[in-house]
Every structure is written in C-alpha cells, then in structure tokens.
C-alpha cells in the first residue's frame, strides 16, 4: 500500500508558516488518511527541488512512498490547493 505525505514549507520567522499550517489542516480535514507535516526553510528536503526553486516559499510538496512526486509554489487559496491535490491521484 502506498504512503502519501503532504509537507508544507514556510519561512520560520514569518506568518507564511501559519498560512501553511492552515492549508495543511484543511487538507487533513478533507483527506484524513493523508499524512501532513509543516517545516521551515532549513529542511534538507528542499535541496531536492531545482536550485531556482529552493528559496521560493511557501511551497507544498507531495511525497509518495517518501519520494518527491509533485509540488505547488506560492500562496494560493484553498480551492487552488484542492485542485492541485485532486490531480495527484491519491485515493486515500
């Protein structure tokens, strides 16, 4: 069985992290089987993004079986995040 994790990254010294946490809470509410996590700009997983995108926060990344699968950059409203989530094909 596949594992699905959504990780939101924001700058630790800004309100962006609160925004990310709110987005993740909304995802979890609609999709309780999906694991969520928030993190900051110091997380080594950001190094796996292309160089020109590593410092562009906020970013929400989807990991399938602990492997990067997709991401969405920027501050988006929840409907945009939900549309992106729906493209991932997660049946959890």
C-alpha atoms as a PDB file:
ATOM      1  CA  UNK A   1       0.000   0.000   0.000  1.00  0.00           C
ATOM      2  CA  UNK A   2       1.309   3.433  -0.922  1.00  0.00           C
ATOM      3  CA  UNK A   3       2.008   6.130   1.635  1.00  0.00           C
ATOM      4  CA  UNK A   4       1.042   9.711   0.943  1.00  0.00           C
ATOM      5  CA  UNK A   5       2.507  12.744   2.681  1.00  0.00           C
ATOM      6  CA  UNK A   6       1.926  16.424   2.082  1.00  0.00           C
ATOM      7  CA  UNK A   7       4.621  18.711   3.516  1.00  0.00           C
ATOM      8  CA  UNK A   8       4.233  22.467   3.615  1.00  0.00           C
ATOM      9  CA  UNK A   9       7.334  24.656   3.882  1.00  0.00           C
ATOM     10  CA  UNK A  10       7.436  28.265   5.023  1.00  0.00           C
ATOM     11  CA  UNK A  11       9.908  30.734   6.446  1.00  0.00           C
ATOM     12  CA  UNK A  12      10.277  30.215  10.186  1.00  0.00           C
ATOM     13  CA  UNK A  13      10.187  33.930  11.008  1.00  0.00           C
ATOM     14  CA  UNK A  14       7.051  34.864   9.070  1.00  0.00           C
ATOM     15  CA  UNK A  15       3.298  34.463   9.011  1.00  0.00           C
ATOM     16  CA  UNK A  16       3.754  32.187   5.974  1.00  0.00           C
ATOM     17  CA  UNK A  17       4.250  29.219   8.300  1.00  0.00           C
ATOM     18  CA  UNK A  18       0.829  29.879   9.869  1.00  0.00           C
ATOM     19  CA  UNK A  19      -0.674  30.071   6.385  1.00  0.00           C
ATOM     20  CA  UNK A  20       0.926  26.717   5.506  1.00  0.00           C
ATOM     21  CA  UNK A  21      -0.379  25.103   8.688  1.00  0.00           C
ATOM     22  CA  UNK A  22      -3.903  26.318   7.891  1.00  0.00           C
ATOM     23  CA  UNK A  23      -3.678  24.852   4.386  1.00  0.00           C
ATOM     24  CA  UNK A  24      -2.411  21.530   5.752  1.00  0.00           C
ATOM     25  CA  UNK A  25      -5.168  21.397   8.372  1.00  0.00           C
ATOM     26  CA  UNK A  26      -7.765  21.902   5.635  1.00  0.00           C
ATOM     27  CA  UNK A  27      -6.226  19.093   3.557  1.00  0.00           C
ATOM     28  CA  UNK A  28      -6.194  16.784   6.578  1.00  0.00           C
ATOM     29  CA  UNK A  29      -9.823  17.580   7.355  1.00  0.00           C
ATOM     30  CA  UNK A  30     -10.924  16.541   3.858  1.00  0.00           C
ATOM     31  CA  UNK A  31      -8.422  13.690   3.464  1.00  0.00           C
ATOM     32  CA  UNK A  32      -7.768  12.188   6.912  1.00  0.00           C
ATOM     33  CA  UNK A  33      -5.732   9.245   5.577  1.00  0.00           C
ATOM     34  CA  UNK A  34      -3.076  11.573   4.133  1.00  0.00           C
ATOM     35  CA  UNK A  35      -0.167  12.375   6.422  1.00  0.00           C
ATOM     36  CA  UNK A  36       0.669  16.073   6.728  1.00  0.00           C
ATOM     37  CA  UNK A  37       3.673  17.933   8.086  1.00  0.00           C
ATOM     38  CA  UNK A  38       4.884  21.520   8.211  1.00  0.00           C
ATOM     39  CA  UNK A  39       8.510  22.551   8.049  1.00  0.00           C
ATOM     40  CA  UNK A  40      10.788  25.542   7.510  1.00  0.00           C
ATOM     41  CA  UNK A  41      13.392  26.798   5.083  1.00  0.00           C
ATOM     42  CA  UNK A  42      16.044  24.845   6.995  1.00  0.00           C
ATOM     43  CA  UNK A  43      14.667  21.433   5.986  1.00  0.00           C
ATOM     44  CA  UNK A  44      17.119  19.441   3.864  1.00  0.00           C
ATOM     45  CA  UNK A  45      14.287  18.078   1.696  1.00  0.00           C
ATOM     46  CA  UNK A  46      14.145  21.459  -0.050  1.00  0.00           C
ATOM     47  CA  UNK A  47      17.573  20.696  -1.514  1.00  0.00           C
ATOM     48  CA  UNK A  48      15.878  18.160  -3.781  1.00  0.00           C
ATOM     49  CA  UNK A  49      13.990  20.932  -5.579  1.00  0.00           C
ATOM     50  CA  UNK A  50      15.629  22.608  -8.583  1.00  0.00           C
ATOM     51  CA  UNK A  51      18.121  25.277  -7.473  1.00  0.00           C
ATOM     52  CA  UNK A  52      15.961  28.143  -8.721  1.00  0.00           C
ATOM     53  CA  UNK A  53      13.018  26.992  -6.585  1.00  0.00           C
ATOM     54  CA  UNK A  54      14.636  26.129  -3.248  1.00  0.00           C
ATOM     55  CA  UNK A  55      14.138  29.554  -1.715  1.00  0.00           C
ATOM     56  CA  UNK A  56      10.689  30.203  -3.173  1.00  0.00           C
ATOM     57  CA  UNK A  57       8.458  29.690  -0.190  1.00  0.00           C
ATOM     58  CA  UNK A  58       5.768  28.845   0.565  1.00  0.00           C
ATOM     59  CA  UNK A  59       5.767  25.518  -1.187  1.00  0.00           C
ATOM     60  CA  UNK A  60       3.660  22.415  -0.616  1.00  0.00           C
ATOM     61  CA  UNK A  61       5.251  19.128  -1.670  1.00  0.00           C
ATOM     62  CA  UNK A  62       3.620  15.747  -2.171  1.00  0.00           C
ATOM     63  CA  UNK A  63       5.677  12.656  -1.357  1.00  0.00           C
ATOM     64  CA  UNK A  64       4.503   9.212  -2.427  1.00  0.00           C
ATOM     65  CA  UNK A  65       6.257   6.424  -0.552  1.00  0.00           C
ATOM     66  CA  UNK A  66       8.687   9.055   0.819  1.00  0.00           C
ATOM     67  CA  UNK A  67       9.773  10.070  -2.691  1.00  0.00           C
ATOM     68  CA  UNK A  68       9.133  13.519  -4.177  1.00  0.00           C
ATOM     69  CA  UNK A  69       6.203  13.399  -6.594  1.00  0.00           C
ATOM     70  CA  UNK A  70       4.889  16.946  -7.087  1.00  0.00           C
ATOM     71  CA  UNK A  71       4.783  20.438  -5.631  1.00  0.00           C
ATOM     72  CA  UNK A  72       2.878  23.700  -5.793  1.00  0.00           C
ATOM     73  CA  UNK A  73       4.607  27.032  -5.210  1.00  0.00           C
ATOM     74  CA  UNK A  74       3.265  30.256  -3.787  1.00  0.00           C
ATOM     75  CA  UNK A  75       0.471  31.428  -1.606  1.00  0.00           C
ATOM     76  CA  UNK A  76      -2.738  30.001  -3.053  1.00  0.00           C
ATOM     77  CA  UNK A  77      -6.314  29.959  -1.926  1.00  0.00           C
ATOM     78  CA  UNK A  78      -7.600  26.631  -0.703  1.00  0.00           C
ATOM     79  CA  UNK A  79      -9.583  25.928  -3.886  1.00  0.00           C
ATOM     80  CA  UNK A  80      -6.346  26.093  -5.924  1.00  0.00           C
ATOM     81  CA  UNK A  81      -4.567  23.800  -3.485  1.00  0.00           C
ATOM     82  CA  UNK A  82      -7.502  21.387  -3.592  1.00  0.00           C
ATOM     83  CA  UNK A  83      -7.464  21.349  -7.421  1.00  0.00           C
ATOM     84  CA  UNK A  84      -3.724  20.540  -7.320  1.00  0.00           C
ATOM     85  CA  UNK A  85      -4.336  17.833  -4.710  1.00  0.00           C
ATOM     86  CA  UNK A  86      -7.026  16.278  -6.913  1.00  0.00           C
ATOM     87  CA  UNK A  87      -4.520  15.950  -9.784  1.00  0.00           C
ATOM     88  CA  UNK A  88      -2.270  13.757  -7.627  1.00  0.00           C
ATOM     89  CA  UNK A  89      -4.492  10.707  -7.912  1.00  0.00           C
ATOM     90  CA  UNK A  90      -4.489   9.980  -4.191  1.00  0.00           C
ATOM     91  CA  UNK A  91      -7.293   7.623  -3.262  1.00  0.00           C
ATOM     92  CA  UNK A  92      -6.824   7.884   0.479  1.00  0.00           C
END
